[in-house]
All heavy atoms as atom14 arrays in JSON, in Angstrom:
{
  "sequence": "GEILRQDATVWVVAESHSLHQQTPLPLALFEEPCFCRRHACNALAR",
  "atom14_mask": [
    [1, 1, 1, 1, 0, 0, 0, 0, 0, 0, 0, 0, 0, 0],
    [1, 1, 1, 1, 1, 1, 1, 1, 1, 0, 0, 0, 0, 0],
    [1, 1, 1, 1, 1, 1, 1, 1, 0, 0, 0, 0, 0, 0],
    [1, 1, 1, 1, 1, 1, 1, 1, 0, 0, 0, 0, 0, 0],
    [1, 1, 1, 1, 1, 1, 1, 1, 1, 1, 1, 0, 0, 0],
    [1, 1, 1, 1, 1, 1, 1, 1, 1, 0, 0, 0, 0, 0],
    [1, 1, 1, 1, 1, 1, 1, 1, 0, 0, 0, 0, 0, 0],
    [1, 1, 1, 1, 1, 0, 0, 0, 0, 0, 0, 0, 0, 0],
    [1, 1, 1, 1, 1, 1, 1, 0, 0, 0, 0, 0, 0, 0],
    [1, 1, 1, 1, 1, 1, 1, 0, 0, 0, 0, 0, 0, 0],
    [1, 1, 1, 1, 1, 1, 1, 1, 1, 1, 1, 1, 1, 1],
    [1, 1, 1, 1, 1, 1, 1, 0, 0, 0, 0, 0, 0, 0],
    [1, 1, 1, 1, 1, 1, 1, 0, 0, 0, 0, 0, 0, 0],
    [1, 1, 1, 1, 1, 0, 0, 0, 0, 0, 0, 0, 0, 0],
    [1, 1, 1, 1, 1, 1, 1, 1, 1, 0, 0, 0, 0, 0],
    [1, 1, 1, 1, 1, 1, 0, 0, 0, 0, 0, 0, 0, 0],
    [1, 1, 1, 1, 1, 1, 1, 1, 1, 1, 0, 0, 0, 0],
    [1, 1, 1, 1, 1, 1, 0, 0, 0, 0, 0, 0, 0, 0],
    [1, 1, 1, 1, 1, 1, 1, 1, 0, 0, 0, 0, 0, 0],
    [1, 1, 1, 1, 1, 1, 1, 1, 1, 1, 0, 0, 0, 0],
    [1, 1, 1, 1, 1, 1, 1, 1, 1, 0, 0, 0, 0, 0],
    [1, 1, 1, 1, 1, 1, 1, 1, 1, 0, 0, 0, 0, 0],
    [1, 1, 1, 1, 1, 1, 1, 0, 0, 0, 0, 0, 0, 0],
    [1, 1, 1, 1, 1, 1, 1, 0, 0, 0, 0, 0, 0, 0],
    [1, 1, 1, 1, 1, 1, 1, 1, 0, 0, 0, 0, 0, 0],
    [1, 1, 1, 1, 1, 1, 1, 0, 0, 0, 0, 0, 0, 0],
    [1, 1, 1, 1, 1, 1, 1, 1, 0, 0, 0, 0, 0, 0],
    [1, 1, 1, 1, 1, 0, 0, 0, 0, 0, 0, 0, 0, 0],
    [1, 1, 1, 1, 1, 1, 1, 1, 0, 0, 0, 0, 0, 0],
    [1, 1, 1, 1, 1, 1, 1, 1, 1, 1, 1, 0, 0, 0],
    [1, 1, 1, 1, 1, 1, 1, 1, 1, 0, 0, 0, 0, 0],
    [1, 1, 1, 1, 1, 1, 1, 1, 1, 0, 0, 0, 0, 0],
    [1, 1, 1, 1, 1, 1, 1, 0, 0, 0, 0, 0, 0, 0],
    [1, 1, 1, 1, 1, 1, 0, 0, 0, 0, 0, 0, 0, 0],
    [1, 1, 1, 1, 1, 1, 1, 1, 1, 1, 1, 0, 0, 0],
    [1, 1, 1, 1, 1, 1, 0, 0, 0, 0, 0, 0, 0, 0],
    [1, 1, 1, 1, 1, 1, 1, 1, 1, 1, 1, 0, 0, 0],
    [1, 1, 1, 1, 1, 1, 1, 1, 1, 1, 1, 0, 0, 0],
    [1, 1, 1, 1, 1, 1, 1, 1, 1, 1, 0, 0, 0, 0],
    [1, 1, 1, 1, 1, 0, 0, 0, 0, 0, 0, 0, 0, 0],
    [1, 1, 1, 1, 1, 1, 0, 0, 0, 0, 0, 0, 0, 0],
    [1, 1, 1, 1, 1, 1, 1, 1, 0, 0, 0, 0, 0, 0],
    [1, 1, 1, 1, 1, 0, 0, 0, 0, 0, 0, 0, 0, 0],
    [1, 1, 1, 1, 1, 1, 1, 1, 0, 0, 0, 0, 0, 0],
    [1, 1, 1, 1, 1, 0, 0, 0, 0, 0, 0, 0, 0, 0],
    [1, 1, 1, 1, 1, 1, 1, 1, 1, 1, 1, 0, 0, 0]
  ],
  "atom14_positions": [
    [[11.25, -7.98, 20.51], [10.34, -7.46, 21.51], [9.1, -8.34, 21.6], [9.07, -9.47, 21.11], [0.0, 0.0, 0.0], [0.0, 0.0, 0.0], [0.0, 0.0, 0.0], [0.0, 0.0, 0.0], [0.0, 0.0, 0.0], [0.0, 0.0, 0.0], [0.0, 0.0, 0.0], [0.0, 0.0, 0.0], [0.0, 0.0, 0.0], [0.0, 0.0, 0.0]],
    [[8.07, -7.8, 22.23], [6.82, -8.53, 22.4], [5.87, -8.26, 21.24], [5.52, -7.12, 20.97], [6.15, -8.12, 23.73], [4.81, -8.81, 23.96], [4.07, -8.28, 25.17], [4.67, -7.47, 25.91], [2.89, -8.63, 25.34], [0.0, 0.0, 0.0], [0.0, 0.0, 0.0], [0.0, 0.0, 0.0], [0.0, 0.0, 0.0], [0.0, 0.0, 0.0]],
    [[5.45, -9.31, 20.55], [4.5, -9.15, 19.44], [3.12, -8.9, 20.01], [2.56, -9.73, 20.72], [4.51, -10.38, 18.53], [5.88, -10.6, 17.91], [3.45, -10.24, 17.43], [6.0, -11.84, 17.05], [0.0, 0.0, 0.0], [0.0, 0.0, 0.0], [0.0, 0.0, 0.0], [0.0, 0.0, 0.0], [0.0, 0.0, 0.0], [0.0, 0.0, 0.0]],
    [[2.57, -7.75, 19.74], [1.23, -7.37, 20.21], [0.14, -7.88, 19.29], [-0.95, -8.26, 19.74], [1.12, -5.86, 20.34], [2.09, -5.16, 21.3], [1.97, -3.64, 21.17], [1.82, -5.61, 22.72], [0.0, 0.0, 0.0], [0.0, 0.0, 0.0], [0.0, 0.0, 0.0], [0.0, 0.0, 0.0], [0.0, 0.0, 0.0], [0.0, 0.0, 0.0]],
    [[0.45, -7.89, 18.0], [-0.58, -8.21, 17.02], [0.07, -8.42, 15.66], [1.05, -7.76, 15.34], [-1.57, -7.04, 16.94], [-2.8, -7.22, 16.08], [-3.55, -5.9, 15.98], [-4.82, -6.03, 15.32], [-5.99, -6.02, 15.95], [-6.02, -5.85, 17.26], [-7.12, -6.16, 15.3], [0.0, 0.0, 0.0], [0.0, 0.0, 0.0], [0.0, 0.0, 0.0]],
    [[-0.46, -9.35, 14.88], [-0.07, -9.5, 13.48], [-1.29, -9.22, 12.63], [-2.4, -9.63, 12.97], [0.49, -10.89, 13.21], [1.89, -11.09, 13.8], [2.56, -12.35, 13.31], [1.9, -13.32, 12.99], [3.88, -12.34, 13.26], [0.0, 0.0, 0.0], [0.0, 0.0, 0.0], [0.0, 0.0, 0.0], [0.0, 0.0, 0.0], [0.0, 0.0, 0.0]],
    [[-1.07, -8.5, 11.55], [-2.2, -8.03, 10.76], [-1.85, -8.1, 9.28], [-0.69, -8.01, 8.88], [-2.51, -6.58, 11.16], [-3.95, -6.19, 10.89], [-4.67, -6.98, 10.23], [-4.36, -5.11, 11.33], [0.0, 0.0, 0.0], [0.0, 0.0, 0.0], [0.0, 0.0, 0.0], [0.0, 0.0, 0.0], [0.0, 0.0, 0.0], [0.0, 0.0, 0.0]],
    [[-2.89, -8.25, 8.47], [-2.7, -8.25, 7.01], [-2.48, -6.82, 6.52], [-3.06, -5.86, 7.07], [-3.93, -8.84, 6.34], [0.0, 0.0, 0.0], [0.0, 0.0, 0.0], [0.0, 0.0, 0.0], [0.0, 0.0, 0.0], [0.0, 0.0, 0.0], [0.0, 0.0, 0.0], [0.0, 0.0, 0.0], [0.0, 0.0, 0.0], [0.0, 0.0, 0.0]],
    [[-1.62, -6.67, 5.53], [-1.44, -5.39, 4.86], [-2.32, -5.4, 3.61], [-2.27, -6.35, 2.83], [0.03, -5.17, 4.46], [0.84, -5.33, 5.62], [0.24, -3.77, 3.91], [0.0, 0.0, 0.0], [0.0, 0.0, 0.0], [0.0, 0.0, 0.0], [0.0, 0.0, 0.0], [0.0, 0.0, 0.0], [0.0, 0.0, 0.0], [0.0, 0.0, 0.0]],
    [[-3.14, -4.36, 3.44], [-4.13, -4.36, 2.37], [-4.06, -3.06, 1.56], [-3.59, -2.03, 2.05], [-5.56, -4.54, 2.92], [-5.72, -5.9, 3.58], [-5.9, -3.42, 3.91], [0.0, 0.0, 0.0], [0.0, 0.0, 0.0], [0.0, 0.0, 0.0], [0.0, 0.0, 0.0], [0.0, 0.0, 0.0], [0.0, 0.0, 0.0], [0.0, 0.0, 0.0]],
    [[-4.54, -3.16, 0.32], [-4.7, -1.98, -0.54], [-6.04, -1.35, -0.23], [-7.04, -2.05, -0.02], [-4.67, -2.38, -2.0], [-3.41, -3.04, -2.47], [-3.18, -4.38, -2.6], [-2.21, -2.38, -2.9], [-1.91, -4.61, -3.07], [-1.29, -3.41, -3.27], [-1.81, -1.06, -3.01], [0.0, -3.13, -3.74], [-0.53, -0.77, -3.47], [0.35, -1.79, -3.83]],
    [[-6.12, -0.01, -0.2], [-7.38, 0.67, 0.1], [-7.62, 1.81, -0.9], [-6.68, 2.44, -1.4], [-7.38, 1.25, 1.54], [-7.46, 0.13, 2.54], [-6.17, 2.13, 1.79], [0.0, 0.0, 0.0], [0.0, 0.0, 0.0], [0.0, 0.0, 0.0], [0.0, 0.0, 0.0], [0.0, 0.0, 0.0], [0.0, 0.0, 0.0], [0.0, 0.0, 0.0]],
    [[-8.91, 2.03, -1.15], [-9.33, 3.11, -2.03], [-10.66, 3.64, -1.48], [-11.35, 2.93, -0.75], [-9.51, 2.62, -3.48], [-10.68, 1.66, -3.59], [-9.67, 3.77, -4.47], [0.0, 0.0, 0.0], [0.0, 0.0, 0.0], [0.0, 0.0, 0.0], [0.0, 0.0, 0.0], [0.0, 0.0, 0.0], [0.0, 0.0, 0.0], [0.0, 0.0, 0.0]],
    [[-11.02, 4.88, -1.81], [-12.3, 5.42, -1.39], [-13.44, 4.63, -2.03], [-13.37, 4.28, -3.21], [-12.4, 6.9, -1.75], [0.0, 0.0, 0.0], [0.0, 0.0, 0.0], [0.0, 0.0, 0.0], [0.0, 0.0, 0.0], [0.0, 0.0, 0.0], [0.0, 0.0, 0.0], [0.0, 0.0, 0.0], [0.0, 0.0, 0.0], [0.0, 0.0, 0.0]],
    [[-14.46, 4.33, -1.26], [-15.57, 3.52, -1.78], [-16.23, 4.13, -3.0], [-16.67, 3.43, -3.91], [-16.62, 3.34, -0.67], [-16.27, 2.29, 0.37], [-17.38, 2.09, 1.38], [-18.28, 2.97, 1.45], [-17.38, 1.06, 2.09], [0.0, 0.0, 0.0], [0.0, 0.0, 0.0], [0.0, 0.0, 0.0], [0.0, 0.0, 0.0], [0.0, 0.0, 0.0]],
    [[-16.32, 5.45, -3.05], [-17.06, 6.14, -4.11], [-16.22, 6.45, -5.33], [-16.69, 7.18, -6.22], [-17.69, 7.41, -3.56], [-16.68, 8.26, -3.01], [0.0, 0.0, 0.0], [0.0, 0.0, 0.0], [0.0, 0.0, 0.0], [0.0, 0.0, 0.0], [0.0, 0.0, 0.0], [0.0, 0.0, 0.0], [0.0, 0.0, 0.0], [0.0, 0.0, 0.0]],
    [[-14.98, 5.94, -5.39], [-14.1, 6.27, -6.51], [-13.57, 5.01, -7.17], [-13.43, 3.96, -6.55], [-12.93, 7.15, -6.04], [-13.35, 8.52, -5.59], [-13.35, 9.61, -6.4], [-13.79, 8.96, -4.39], [-13.77, 10.68, -5.74], [-14.03, 10.3, -4.51], [0.0, 0.0, 0.0], [0.0, 0.0, 0.0], [0.0, 0.0, 0.0], [0.0, 0.0, 0.0]],
    [[-13.25, 5.12, -8.44], [-12.65, 3.99, -9.18], [-11.22, 4.36, -9.58], [-10.76, 4.0, -10.65], [-13.47, 3.68, -10.44], [-13.61, 4.84, -11.26], [0.0, 0.0, 0.0], [0.0, 0.0, 0.0], [0.0, 0.0, 0.0], [0.0, 0.0, 0.0], [0.0, 0.0, 0.0], [0.0, 0.0, 0.0], [0.0, 0.0, 0.0], [0.0, 0.0, 0.0]],
    [[-10.57, 5.1, -8.69], [-9.23, 5.58, -8.94], [-8.24, 4.45, -9.21], [-7.25, 4.62, -9.9], [-8.76, 6.4, -7.73], [-7.55, 7.28, -7.9], [-7.9, 8.49, -8.78], [-7.06, 7.77, -6.54], [0.0, 0.0, 0.0], [0.0, 0.0, 0.0], [0.0, 0.0, 0.0], [0.0, 0.0, 0.0], [0.0, 0.0, 0.0], [0.0, 0.0, 0.0]],
    [[-8.54, 3.27, -8.64], [-7.62, 2.13, -8.76], [-7.49, 1.63, -10.2], [-6.64, 0.81, -10.49], [-8.07, 1.0, -7.85], [-9.46, 0.5, -8.14], [-10.6, 1.24, -7.86], [-9.89, -0.65, -8.72], [-11.66, 0.55, -8.23], [-11.26, -0.59, -8.76], [0.0, 0.0, 0.0], [0.0, 0.0, 0.0], [0.0, 0.0, 0.0], [0.0, 0.0, 0.0]],
    [[-8.35, 2.12, -11.09], [-8.3, 1.69, -12.48], [-7.43, 2.61, -13.34], [-7.21, 2.35, -14.52], [-9.72, 1.65, -13.06], [-10.63, 0.65, -12.34], [-12.06, 0.71, -12.85], [-12.42, 1.53, -13.7], [-12.91, -0.19, -12.33], [0.0, 0.0, 0.0], [0.0, 0.0, 0.0], [0.0, 0.0, 0.0], [0.0, 0.0, 0.0], [0.0, 0.0, 0.0]],
    [[-6.91, 3.7, -12.76], [-6.12, 4.65, -13.53], [-4.72, 4.11, -13.83], [-4.19, 3.28, -13.11], [-5.98, 5.97, -12.76], [-7.24, 6.82, -12.72], [-6.99, 8.19, -12.12], [-5.82, 8.61, -11.97], [-8.05, 8.9, -11.82], [0.0, 0.0, 0.0], [0.0, 0.0, 0.0], [0.0, 0.0, 0.0], [0.0, 0.0, 0.0], [0.0, 0.0, 0.0]],
    [[-4.16, 4.6, -14.91], [-2.77, 4.3, -15.28], [-2.07, 5.61, -15.67], [-2.59, 6.32, -16.56], [-2.69, 3.31, -16.45], [-3.37, 2.1, -16.07], [-1.25, 2.98, -16.8], [0.0, 0.0, 0.0], [0.0, 0.0, 0.0], [0.0, 0.0, 0.0], [0.0, 0.0, 0.0], [0.0, 0.0, 0.0], [0.0, 0.0, 0.0], [0.0, 0.0, 0.0]],
    [[-0.95, 5.93, -15.04], [-0.34, 5.21, -13.92], [-1.17, 5.37, -12.65], [-1.87, 6.37, -12.48], [1.04, 5.86, -13.8], [0.83, 7.25, -14.3], [-0.16, 7.12, -15.43], [0.0, 0.0, 0.0], [0.0, 0.0, 0.0], [0.0, 0.0, 0.0], [0.0, 0.0, 0.0], [0.0, 0.0, 0.0], [0.0, 0.0, 0.0], [0.0, 0.0, 0.0]],
    [[-1.05, 4.41, -11.76], [-1.83, 4.39, -10.52], [-1.26, 5.42, -9.53], [-0.07, 5.35, -9.18], [-1.76, 3.0, -9.91], [-2.47, 2.8, -8.57], [-3.98, 2.83, -8.77], [-2.04, 1.49, -7.93], [0.0, 0.0, 0.0], [0.0, 0.0, 0.0], [0.0, 0.0, 0.0], [0.0, 0.0, 0.0], [0.0, 0.0, 0.0], [0.0, 0.0, 0.0]],
    [[-2.08, 6.38, -9.06], [-1.58, 7.34, -8.07], [-1.58, 6.69, -6.68], [-2.59, 6.13, -6.25], [-2.58, 8.48, -8.16], [-3.84, 7.85, -8.66], [-3.44, 6.72, -9.53], [0.0, 0.0, 0.0], [0.0, 0.0, 0.0], [0.0, 0.0, 0.0], [0.0, 0.0, 0.0], [0.0, 0.0, 0.0], [0.0, 0.0, 0.0], [0.0, 0.0, 0.0]],
    [[-0.47, 6.77, -5.99], [-0.32, 6.16, -4.67], [-0.1, 7.23, -3.6], [0.51, 8.27, -3.85], [0.86, 5.2, -4.64], [0.78, 3.95, -5.53], [2.08, 3.16, -5.42], [-0.41, 3.08, -5.12], [0.0, 0.0, 0.0], [0.0, 0.0, 0.0], [0.0, 0.0, 0.0], [0.0, 0.0, 0.0], [0.0, 0.0, 0.0], [0.0, 0.0, 0.0]],
    [[-0.59, 6.93, -2.41], [-0.3, 7.73, -1.22], [0.36, 6.78, -0.22], [-0.29, 5.85, 0.29], [-1.57, 8.34, -0.63], [0.0, 0.0, 0.0], [0.0, 0.0, 0.0], [0.0, 0.0, 0.0], [0.0, 0.0, 0.0], [0.0, 0.0, 0.0], [0.0, 0.0, 0.0], [0.0, 0.0, 0.0], [0.0, 0.0, 0.0], [0.0, 0.0, 0.0]],
    [[1.65, 6.99, 0.08], [2.4, 6.02, 0.88], [3.16, 6.73, 1.99], [3.42, 7.92, 1.94], [3.38, 5.25, 0.01], [2.77, 4.41, -1.12], [3.86, 3.8, -1.99], [1.86, 3.31, -0.55], [0.0, 0.0, 0.0], [0.0, 0.0, 0.0], [0.0, 0.0, 0.0], [0.0, 0.0, 0.0], [0.0, 0.0, 0.0], [0.0, 0.0, 0.0]],
    [[3.51, 5.93, 3.0], [4.35, 6.43, 4.09], [5.72, 6.82, 3.53], [6.21, 6.24, 2.56], [4.52, 5.4, 5.18], [3.27, 5.18, 6.0], [2.55, 3.99, 5.86], [2.84, 6.12, 6.89], [1.41, 3.78, 6.59], [1.69, 5.91, 7.65], [0.97, 4.75, 7.5], [0.0, 0.0, 0.0], [0.0, 0.0, 0.0], [0.0, 0.0, 0.0]],
    [[6.36, 7.77, 4.19], [7.69, 8.2, 3.78], [8.71, 7.08, 3.99], [8.53, 6.2, 4.82], [8.13, 9.42, 4.61], [7.41, 10.72, 4.26], [7.92, 11.87, 5.1], [8.7, 11.62, 6.06], [7.54, 13.01, 4.8], [0.0, 0.0, 0.0], [0.0, 0.0, 0.0], [0.0, 0.0, 0.0], [0.0, 0.0, 0.0], [0.0, 0.0, 0.0]],
    [[9.77, 7.11, 3.21], [10.9, 6.22, 3.42], [11.61, 6.61, 4.75], [11.6, 7.78, 5.12], [11.88, 6.34, 2.26], [11.35, 5.84, 0.95], [11.42, 4.3, 0.85], [11.58, 3.64, 1.91], [11.31, 3.79, -0.26], [0.0, 0.0, 0.0], [0.0, 0.0, 0.0], [0.0, 0.0, 0.0], [0.0, 0.0, 0.0], [0.0, 0.0, 0.0]],
    [[12.22, 5.62, 5.44], [12.2, 4.2, 5.12], [10.93, 3.56, 5.69], [10.6, 3.76, 6.86], [13.44, 3.68, 5.84], [13.58, 4.58, 7.03], [13.09, 5.93, 6.6], [0.0, 0.0, 0.0], [0.0, 0.0, 0.0], [0.0, 0.0, 0.0], [0.0, 0.0, 0.0], [0.0, 0.0, 0.0], [0.0, 0.0, 0.0], [0.0, 0.0, 0.0]],
    [[10.24, 2.79, 4.88], [9.01, 2.12, 5.3], [8.88, 0.82, 4.51], [8.81, 0.86, 3.28], [7.79, 3.02, 5.06], [6.21, 2.2, 5.34], [0.0, 0.0, 0.0], [0.0, 0.0, 0.0], [0.0, 0.0, 0.0], [0.0, 0.0, 0.0], [0.0, 0.0, 0.0], [0.0, 0.0, 0.0], [0.0, 0.0, 0.0], [0.0, 0.0, 0.0]],
    [[8.9, -0.3, 5.23], [8.84, -1.57, 4.5], [7.5, -1.77, 3.81], [7.41, -2.42, 2.78], [9.13, -2.75, 5.44], [8.06, -3.05, 6.45], [6.99, -3.86, 6.12], [8.12, -2.51, 7.72], [5.99, -4.15, 7.05], [7.14, -2.79, 8.65], [6.07, -3.61, 8.32], [0.0, 0.0, 0.0], [0.0, 0.0, 0.0], [0.0, 0.0, 0.0]],
    [[6.43, -1.16, 4.34], [5.12, -1.26, 3.69], [5.17, -0.57, 2.33], [4.64, -1.09, 1.34], [4.06, -0.63, 4.59], [2.37, -0.81, 3.97], [0.0, 0.0, 0.0], [0.0, 0.0, 0.0], [0.0, 0.0, 0.0], [0.0, 0.0, 0.0], [0.0, 0.0, 0.0], [0.0, 0.0, 0.0], [0.0, 0.0, 0.0], [0.0, 0.0, 0.0]],
    [[5.8, 0.6, 2.29], [5.96, 1.31, 1.01], [6.79, 0.47, 0.05], [6.45, 0.35, -1.14], [6.64, 2.65, 1.29], [6.98, 3.44, 0.01], [7.69, 4.73, 0.37], [8.09, 5.51, -0.81], [7.87, 6.8, -0.96], [7.27, 7.48, -0.02], [8.29, 7.43, -2.04], [0.0, 0.0, 0.0], [0.0, 0.0, 0.0], [0.0, 0.0, 0.0]],
    [[7.89, -0.1, 0.56], [8.75, -0.91, -0.3], [8.01, -2.11, -0.87], [8.1, -2.41, -2.07], [9.97, -1.37, 0.5], [11.0, -2.13, -0.35], [12.23, -2.46, 0.46], [11.98, -3.51, 1.46], [11.94, -3.3, 2.77], [12.07, -2.08, 3.25], [11.73, -4.32, 3.6], [0.0, 0.0, 0.0], [0.0, 0.0, 0.0], [0.0, 0.0, 0.0]],
    [[7.26, -2.81, -0.02], [6.53, -3.98, -0.48], [5.44, -3.6, -1.51], [5.21, -4.32, -2.49], [5.86, -4.7, 0.69], [6.83, -5.48, 1.53], [7.76, -6.34, 0.98], [7.01, -5.53, 2.88], [8.47, -6.9, 1.96], [8.04, -6.42, 3.12], [0.0, 0.0, 0.0], [0.0, 0.0, 0.0], [0.0, 0.0, 0.0], [0.0, 0.0, 0.0]],
    [[4.78, -2.48, -1.28], [3.73, -2.05, -2.2], [4.31, -1.75, -3.58], [3.78, -2.2, -4.61], [3.01, -0.82, -1.63], [0.0, 0.0, 0.0], [0.0, 0.0, 0.0], [0.0, 0.0, 0.0], [0.0, 0.0, 0.0], [0.0, 0.0, 0.0], [0.0, 0.0, 0.0], [0.0, 0.0, 0.0], [0.0, 0.0, 0.0], [0.0, 0.0, 0.0]],
    [[5.4, -0.98, -3.61], [6.0, -0.63, -4.9], [6.58, -1.87, -5.61], [6.42, -2.02, -6.82], [7.11, 0.4, -4.68], [6.5, 2.02, -4.13], [0.0, 0.0, 0.0], [0.0, 0.0, 0.0], [0.0, 0.0, 0.0], [0.0, 0.0, 0.0], [0.0, 0.0, 0.0], [0.0, 0.0, 0.0], [0.0, 0.0, 0.0], [0.0, 0.0, 0.0]],
    [[7.21, -2.74, -4.84], [7.78, -3.95, -5.44], [6.7, -4.86, -6.0], [6.86, -5.47, -7.08], [8.62, -4.72, -4.4], [9.92, -4.01, -4.08], [10.34, -3.11, -4.8], [10.55, -4.38, -2.98], [0.0, 0.0, 0.0], [0.0, 0.0, 0.0], [0.0, 0.0, 0.0], [0.0, 0.0, 0.0], [0.0, 0.0, 0.0], [0.0, 0.0, 0.0]],
    [[5.57, -4.97, -5.27], [4.48, -5.84, -5.73], [3.89, -5.31, -7.04], [3.6, -6.1, -7.95], [3.41, -5.93, -4.64], [0.0, 0.0, 0.0], [0.0, 0.0, 0.0], [0.0, 0.0, 0.0], [0.0, 0.0, 0.0], [0.0, 0.0, 0.0], [0.0, 0.0, 0.0], [0.0, 0.0, 0.0], [0.0, 0.0, 0.0], [0.0, 0.0, 0.0]],
    [[3.71, -4.01, -7.14], [3.16, -3.43, -8.37], [4.15, -3.6, -9.52], [3.75, -3.89, -10.67], [2.84, -1.95, -8.16], [1.67, -1.65, -7.22], [1.55, -0.16, -6.99], [0.36, -2.21, -7.78], [0.0, 0.0, 0.0], [0.0, 0.0, 0.0], [0.0, 0.0, 0.0], [0.0, 0.0, 0.0], [0.0, 0.0, 0.0], [0.0, 0.0, 0.0]],
    [[5.43, -3.42, -9.25], [6.45, -3.58, -10.3], [6.47, -5.01, -10.82], [6.56, -5.24, -12.03], [7.82, -3.18, -9.76], [0.0, 0.0, 0.0], [0.0, 0.0, 0.0], [0.0, 0.0, 0.0], [0.0, 0.0, 0.0], [0.0, 0.0, 0.0], [0.0, 0.0, 0.0], [0.0, 0.0, 0.0], [0.0, 0.0, 0.0], [0.0, 0.0, 0.0]],
    [[6.38, -5.99, -9.9], [6.38, -7.4, -10.34], [5.13, -7.72, -11.16], [5.18, -8.56, -12.05], [6.46, -8.3, -9.12], [7.83, -8.35, -8.45], [7.93, -9.51, -7.47], [6.92, -9.4, -6.42], [7.12, -8.81, -5.26], [8.31, -8.24, -5.01], [6.19, -8.75, -4.35], [0.0, 0.0, 0.0], [0.0, 0.0, 0.0], [0.0, 0.0, 0.0]]
  ]
}
């Protein structure tokens, strides 16, 4: 189809929280099937 826009995929967290330092890391992701979810989980696993 027609590419409207290409954009970076980024990790986000609330500015006022340091939740990203927790182990295990709690994630909020789109439901399957979602390639963004797959890439996020694979990247953390690697």
